[in-house]
Amino acid sequence: MIMTFIRKLLGSVVVFIDSLTLPKPIVRTPQEQQKVDKITKNMTLYQFHGCPFCVKVRREIHRLNLNIALQDATQKDVEDTLIKGGGKRKVPCLRISNGSSTQWMYESKDIIAYLQTI
């Protein structure tokens, strides 16, 4: 019980500091942004709000000015979707749907490296 309290407290501190120090997003022309939006429209980031690794990925999404849907994996239905699709309850997880196939990408470093190629 005390560990849950400490985890929630530290998560709140991380989120607060993140909100104060958000990086400036890159600026694209409307046409370039439209192309990027088309690529990212089928992406979803499964995450916990206070998880430092999730914060790291969200910061990069913000910096890269990407429109990626966020799903809170603490919600039961979202957690079930994550486990059913990706195979495990681990965040951050980027779901990339491209037509007939879906890729589930774990590990914040891998997700960030992938997003930087867009």
N, C-alpha and C. Protein backbone atom coordinates (compact mmCIF):
# COMPACT_ATOMS: atom_id res chain seq x y z
N MET A 1 0.82 -1.19 0.00
CA MET A 1 0.00 0.00 0.00
C MET A 1 0.87 1.26 0.00
N ILE A 2 1.92 1.25 0.79
CA ILE A 2 2.81 2.41 0.83
C ILE A 2 3.54 2.57 -0.51
N MET A 3 3.86 1.44 -1.15
CA MET A 3 4.54 1.50 -2.45
C MET A 3 3.61 2.09 -3.51
N THR A 4 2.34 1.76 -3.46
CA THR A 4 1.38 2.33 -4.40
C THR A 4 1.31 3.84 -4.22
N PHE A 5 1.28 4.29 -2.99
CA PHE A 5 1.25 5.72 -2.70
C PHE A 5 2.51 6.41 -3.24
N ILE A 6 3.66 5.82 -2.97
CA ILE A 6 4.93 6.40 -3.43
C ILE A 6 4.97 6.44 -4.95
N ARG A 7 4.53 5.36 -5.61
CA ARG A 7 4.53 5.30 -7.07
C ARG A 7 3.62 6.38 -7.65
N LYS A 8 2.44 6.55 -7.06
CA LYS A 8 1.52 7.58 -7.55
C LYS A 8 2.07 8.98 -7.31
N LEU A 9 2.69 9.19 -6.16
CA LEU A 9 3.27 10.49 -5.85
C LEU A 9 4.39 10.82 -6.83
N LEU A 10 5.30 9.87 -7.04
CA LEU A 10 6.40 10.11 -7.97
C LEU A 10 5.89 10.31 -9.39
N GLY A 11 4.88 9.54 -9.78
CA GLY A 11 4.28 9.72 -11.11
C GLY A 11 3.71 11.11 -11.28
N SER A 12 3.06 11.61 -10.24
CA SER A 12 2.50 12.97 -10.29
C SER A 12 3.60 14.01 -10.42
N VAL A 13 4.70 13.81 -9.72
CA VAL A 13 5.84 14.74 -9.80
C VAL A 13 6.41 14.72 -11.22
N VAL A 14 6.58 13.54 -11.79
CA VAL A 14 7.12 13.42 -13.15
C VAL A 14 6.21 14.13 -14.14
N VAL A 15 4.91 13.93 -14.04
CA VAL A 15 3.96 14.55 -14.96
C VAL A 15 3.97 16.07 -14.78
N PHE A 16 4.06 16.54 -13.55
CA PHE A 16 4.09 17.99 -13.29
C PHE A 16 5.33 18.62 -13.91
N ILE A 17 6.49 18.01 -13.69
CA ILE A 17 7.74 18.53 -14.26
C ILE A 17 7.67 18.50 -15.78
N ASP A 18 7.11 17.42 -16.32
CA ASP A 18 6.97 17.31 -17.77
C ASP A 18 6.13 18.46 -18.32
N SER A 19 5.04 18.79 -17.63
CA SER A 19 4.16 19.86 -18.13
C SER A 19 4.85 21.22 -18.12
N LEU A 20 5.82 21.39 -17.23
CA LEU A 20 6.55 22.66 -17.15
C LEU A 20 7.67 22.75 -18.18
N THR A 21 8.13 21.62 -18.67
CA THR A 21 9.33 21.61 -19.51
C THR A 21 9.10 20.99 -20.88
N LEU A 22 7.88 21.05 -21.39
CA LEU A 22 7.59 20.46 -22.70
C LEU A 22 8.46 21.09 -23.78
N PRO A 23 9.02 20.25 -24.67
CA PRO A 23 9.82 20.80 -25.76
C PRO A 23 8.95 21.53 -26.77
N LYS A 24 9.56 22.43 -27.49
CA LYS A 24 8.84 23.17 -28.53
C LYS A 24 8.63 22.24 -29.73
N PRO A 25 7.39 22.13 -30.21
CA PRO A 25 7.14 21.25 -31.35
C PRO A 25 7.73 21.81 -32.65
N ILE A 26 8.13 20.91 -33.53
CA ILE A 26 8.63 21.35 -34.82
C ILE A 26 7.46 21.89 -35.64
N VAL A 27 7.78 22.78 -36.55
CA VAL A 27 6.76 23.41 -37.38
C VAL A 27 6.92 22.91 -38.81
N ARG A 28 5.82 22.49 -39.39
CA ARG A 28 5.81 22.02 -40.77
C ARG A 28 4.85 22.89 -41.58
N THR A 29 5.01 22.83 -42.88
CA THR A 29 4.02 23.48 -43.73
C THR A 29 2.72 22.69 -43.60
N PRO A 30 1.59 23.30 -43.91
CA PRO A 30 0.33 22.57 -43.83
C PRO A 30 0.32 21.28 -44.66
N GLN A 31 0.95 21.31 -45.82
CA GLN A 31 1.00 20.13 -46.67
C GLN A 31 1.85 19.02 -46.02
N GLU A 32 2.99 19.40 -45.45
CA GLU A 32 3.84 18.42 -44.77
C GLU A 32 3.12 17.83 -43.56
N GLN A 33 2.44 18.69 -42.80
CA GLN A 33 1.72 18.22 -41.61
C GLN A 33 0.60 17.28 -42.02
N GLN A 34 -0.05 17.56 -43.13
CA GLN A 34 -1.12 16.70 -43.62
C GLN A 34 -0.57 15.31 -43.98
N LYS A 35 0.61 15.26 -44.58
CA LYS A 35 1.24 13.98 -44.91
C LYS A 35 1.57 13.19 -43.65
N VAL A 36 2.11 13.88 -42.66
CA VAL A 36 2.46 13.23 -41.39
C VAL A 36 1.20 12.75 -40.68
N ASP A 37 0.16 13.56 -40.68
CA ASP A 37 -1.10 13.17 -40.06
C ASP A 37 -1.69 11.92 -40.71
N LYS A 38 -1.53 11.82 -42.02
CA LYS A 38 -2.03 10.64 -42.73
C LYS A 38 -1.27 9.38 -42.28
N ILE A 39 0.02 9.51 -42.06
CA ILE A 39 0.84 8.38 -41.61
C ILE A 39 0.47 7.98 -40.18
N THR A 40 0.24 8.96 -39.32
CA THR A 40 0.02 8.67 -37.90
C THR A 40 -1.44 8.42 -37.52
N LYS A 41 -2.35 8.57 -38.47
CA LYS A 41 -3.77 8.44 -38.12
C LYS A 41 -4.13 7.03 -37.64
N ASN A 42 -3.36 6.04 -38.01
CA ASN A 42 -3.62 4.66 -37.59
C ASN A 42 -2.67 4.20 -36.49
N MET A 43 -2.17 5.13 -35.71
CA MET A 43 -1.27 4.82 -34.60
C MET A 43 -1.93 5.16 -33.28
N THR A 44 -1.68 4.31 -32.30
CA THR A 44 -2.19 4.53 -30.96
C THR A 44 -1.10 4.20 -29.97
N LEU A 45 -0.91 5.09 -28.99
CA LEU A 45 0.06 4.83 -27.91
C LEU A 45 -0.71 4.40 -26.67
N TYR A 46 -0.45 3.18 -26.23
CA TYR A 46 -1.00 2.68 -24.97
C TYR A 46 -0.01 3.06 -23.89
N GLN A 47 -0.52 3.70 -22.83
CA GLN A 47 0.40 4.27 -21.84
C GLN A 47 -0.27 4.44 -20.48
N PHE A 48 0.58 4.64 -19.47
CA PHE A 48 0.15 5.04 -18.14
C PHE A 48 0.55 6.50 -18.00
N HIS A 49 -0.31 7.30 -17.44
CA HIS A 49 -0.08 8.74 -17.35
C HIS A 49 1.22 9.09 -16.61
N GLY A 50 1.50 8.42 -15.50
CA GLY A 50 2.65 8.78 -14.68
C GLY A 50 3.91 7.97 -14.94
N CYS A 51 3.88 7.07 -15.90
CA CYS A 51 5.04 6.23 -16.21
C CYS A 51 6.13 7.08 -16.87
N PRO A 52 7.35 7.08 -16.31
CA PRO A 52 8.41 7.92 -16.89
C PRO A 52 8.76 7.54 -18.33
N PHE A 53 8.68 6.27 -18.67
CA PHE A 53 8.98 5.85 -20.04
C PHE A 53 7.89 6.33 -21.00
N CYS A 54 6.65 6.33 -20.53
CA CYS A 54 5.54 6.83 -21.33
C CYS A 54 5.66 8.35 -21.50
N VAL A 55 6.07 9.03 -20.44
CA VAL A 55 6.28 10.48 -20.51
C VAL A 55 7.35 10.79 -21.55
N LYS A 56 8.40 10.00 -21.57
CA LYS A 56 9.49 10.17 -22.53
C LYS A 56 8.96 10.07 -23.97
N VAL A 57 8.12 9.07 -24.24
CA VAL A 57 7.54 8.90 -25.58
C VAL A 57 6.57 10.03 -25.90
N ARG A 58 5.73 10.40 -24.94
CA ARG A 58 4.77 11.50 -25.18
C ARG A 58 5.49 12.81 -25.47
N ARG A 59 6.61 13.05 -24.78
CA ARG A 59 7.41 14.26 -25.04
C ARG A 59 7.92 14.27 -26.48
N GLU A 60 8.36 13.13 -26.96
CA GLU A 60 8.87 13.05 -28.32
C GLU A 60 7.73 13.21 -29.33
N ILE A 61 6.58 12.64 -29.03
CA ILE A 61 5.41 12.83 -29.90
C ILE A 61 5.08 14.32 -29.98
N HIS A 62 5.13 15.00 -28.85
CA HIS A 62 4.85 16.44 -28.82
C HIS A 62 5.91 17.20 -29.62
N ARG A 63 7.19 16.86 -29.39
CA ARG A 63 8.29 17.55 -30.07
C ARG A 63 8.20 17.36 -31.59
N LEU A 64 7.85 16.16 -32.01
CA LEU A 64 7.76 15.86 -33.44
C LEU A 64 6.44 16.32 -34.06
N ASN A 65 5.55 16.85 -33.22
CA ASN A 65 4.26 17.37 -33.67
C ASN A 65 3.45 16.29 -34.39
N LEU A 66 3.32 15.13 -33.73
CA LEU A 66 2.61 14.00 -34.30
C LEU A 66 1.24 13.88 -33.65
N ASN A 67 0.24 13.57 -34.44
CA ASN A 67 -1.12 13.38 -33.94
C ASN A 67 -1.37 11.88 -33.77
N ILE A 68 -0.99 11.38 -32.60
CA ILE A 68 -1.15 9.97 -32.29
C ILE A 68 -2.12 9.85 -31.13
N ALA A 69 -3.11 8.96 -31.29
CA ALA A 69 -4.11 8.75 -30.25
C ALA A 69 -3.44 8.15 -29.02
N LEU A 70 -3.87 8.58 -27.84
CA LEU A 70 -3.36 8.04 -26.57
C LEU A 70 -4.46 7.24 -25.90
N GLN A 71 -4.08 6.08 -25.38
CA GLN A 71 -5.02 5.23 -24.64
C GLN A 71 -4.44 4.97 -23.26
N ASP A 72 -5.25 5.17 -22.23
CA ASP A 72 -4.84 4.94 -20.85
C ASP A 72 -5.01 3.46 -20.52
N ALA A 73 -3.90 2.76 -20.37
CA ALA A 73 -3.93 1.31 -20.14
C ALA A 73 -4.38 0.92 -18.74
N THR A 74 -4.72 1.90 -17.90
CA THR A 74 -5.26 1.55 -16.58
C THR A 74 -6.75 1.23 -16.69
N GLN A 75 -7.38 1.61 -17.79
CA GLN A 75 -8.80 1.29 -18.01
C GLN A 75 -8.91 -0.16 -18.46
N LYS A 76 -9.83 -0.88 -17.88
CA LYS A 76 -9.95 -2.33 -18.10
C LYS A 76 -10.12 -2.70 -19.57
N ASP A 77 -11.00 -2.02 -20.28
CA ASP A 77 -11.22 -2.36 -21.69
C ASP A 77 -9.98 -2.07 -22.54
N VAL A 78 -9.28 -1.00 -22.23
CA VAL A 78 -8.04 -0.66 -22.95
C VAL A 78 -6.96 -1.69 -22.62
N GLU A 79 -6.86 -2.04 -21.35
CA GLU A 79 -5.88 -3.06 -20.93
C GLU A 79 -6.15 -4.38 -21.64
N ASP A 80 -7.41 -4.77 -21.73
CA ASP A 80 -7.78 -6.01 -22.42
C ASP A 80 -7.38 -5.97 -23.89
N THR A 81 -7.60 -4.83 -24.54
CA THR A 81 -7.21 -4.67 -25.95
C THR A 81 -5.69 -4.79 -26.09
N LEU A 82 -4.97 -4.18 -25.18
CA LEU A 82 -3.50 -4.23 -25.20
C LEU A 82 -3.00 -5.66 -25.05
N ILE A 83 -3.55 -6.39 -24.11
CA ILE A 83 -3.13 -7.78 -23.87
C ILE A 83 -3.52 -8.67 -25.04
N LYS A 84 -4.75 -8.51 -25.53
CA LYS A 84 -5.22 -9.34 -26.65
C LYS A 84 -4.42 -9.08 -27.92
N GLY A 85 -4.16 -7.82 -28.20
CA GLY A 85 -3.46 -7.48 -29.44
C GLY A 85 -1.96 -7.61 -29.36
N GLY A 86 -1.38 -7.05 -28.31
CA GLY A 86 0.08 -7.03 -28.20
C GLY A 86 0.66 -8.22 -27.47
N GLY A 87 -0.18 -8.89 -26.70
CA GLY A 87 0.29 -10.10 -26.02
C GLY A 87 0.76 -9.89 -24.60
N LYS A 88 0.90 -8.64 -24.16
CA LYS A 88 1.33 -8.41 -22.78
C LYS A 88 0.86 -7.04 -22.30
N ARG A 89 0.81 -6.90 -20.99
CA ARG A 89 0.41 -5.64 -20.36
C ARG A 89 1.69 -4.87 -20.03
N LYS A 90 2.21 -4.25 -21.04
CA LYS A 90 3.45 -3.50 -20.88
C LYS A 90 3.31 -2.19 -21.64
N VAL A 91 3.71 -1.12 -21.01
CA VAL A 91 3.65 0.19 -21.64
C VAL A 91 5.02 0.85 -21.54
N PRO A 92 5.33 1.77 -22.42
CA PRO A 92 4.53 2.21 -23.54
C PRO A 92 4.48 1.16 -24.64
N CYS A 93 3.40 1.19 -25.39
CA CYS A 93 3.22 0.30 -26.53
C CYS A 93 2.58 1.10 -27.65
N LEU A 94 3.25 1.11 -28.79
CA LEU A 94 2.71 1.81 -29.96
C LEU A 94 2.08 0.79 -30.89
N ARG A 95 0.79 0.97 -31.14
CA ARG A 95 0.07 0.11 -32.08
C ARG A 95 0.05 0.81 -33.43
N ILE A 96 0.58 0.11 -34.44
CA ILE A 96 0.67 0.66 -35.78
C ILE A 96 -0.18 -0.22 -36.69
N SER A 97 -1.28 0.32 -37.17
CA SER A 97 -2.16 -0.42 -38.07
C SER A 97 -1.94 0.09 -39.49
N ASN A 98 -1.66 -0.84 -40.38
CA ASN A 98 -1.50 -0.44 -41.79
C ASN A 98 -2.25 -1.43 -42.66
N GLY A 99 -3.52 -1.16 -42.78
CA GLY A 99 -4.36 -2.01 -43.62
C GLY A 99 -4.65 -3.35 -42.99
N SER A 100 -4.05 -4.37 -43.55
CA SER A 100 -4.36 -5.73 -43.12
C SER A 100 -3.53 -6.23 -41.94
N SER A 101 -2.49 -5.49 -41.56
CA SER A 101 -1.64 -5.96 -40.45
C SER A 101 -1.53 -4.90 -39.36
N THR A 102 -1.23 -5.39 -38.18
CA THR A 102 -1.04 -4.51 -37.02
C THR A 102 0.25 -4.90 -36.32
N GLN A 103 1.06 -3.90 -36.03
CA GLN A 103 2.32 -4.12 -35.33
C GLN A 103 2.20 -3.49 -33.94
N TRP A 104 2.68 -4.21 -32.93
CA TRP A 104 2.68 -3.71 -31.55
C TRP A 104 4.14 -3.51 -31.15
N MET A 105 4.53 -2.28 -30.94
CA MET A 105 5.92 -1.95 -30.64
C MET A 105 6.07 -1.54 -29.18
N TYR A 106 6.94 -2.25 -28.48
CA TYR A 106 7.23 -1.95 -27.08
C TYR A 106 8.61 -1.28 -26.99
N GLU A 107 8.95 -0.84 -25.81
CA GLU A 107 10.24 -0.20 -25.50
C GLU A 107 10.26 1.24 -26.00
N SER A 108 10.42 2.15 -25.07
CA SER A 108 10.38 3.58 -25.39
C SER A 108 11.45 3.97 -26.40
N LYS A 109 12.65 3.41 -26.29
CA LYS A 109 13.73 3.77 -27.24
C LYS A 109 13.37 3.33 -28.66
N ASP A 110 12.79 2.14 -28.79
CA ASP A 110 12.40 1.65 -30.11
C ASP A 110 11.28 2.50 -30.70
N ILE A 111 10.31 2.85 -29.86
CA ILE A 111 9.19 3.67 -30.32
C ILE A 111 9.69 5.04 -30.78
N ILE A 112 10.55 5.66 -29.98
CA ILE A 112 11.07 6.98 -30.33
C ILE A 112 11.89 6.91 -31.62
N ALA A 113 12.72 5.89 -31.75
CA ALA A 113 13.52 5.75 -32.98
C ALA A 113 12.61 5.60 -34.19
N TYR A 114 11.54 4.84 -34.06
CA TYR A 114 10.59 4.66 -35.16
C TYR A 114 9.91 5.99 -35.50
N LEU A 115 9.44 6.70 -34.47
CA LEU A 115 8.72 7.96 -34.71
C LEU A 115 9.62 9.00 -35.37
N GLN A 116 10.90 8.97 -35.08
CA GLN A 116 11.82 9.93 -35.67
C GLN A 116 12.04 9.69 -37.17
N THR A 117 11.62 8.53 -37.66
CA THR A 117 11.76 8.25 -39.10
C THR A 117 10.57 8.74 -39.91
N ILE A 118 9.54 9.19 -39.25
CA ILE A 118 8.32 9.65 -39.94
C ILE A 118 8.57 11.02 -40.56
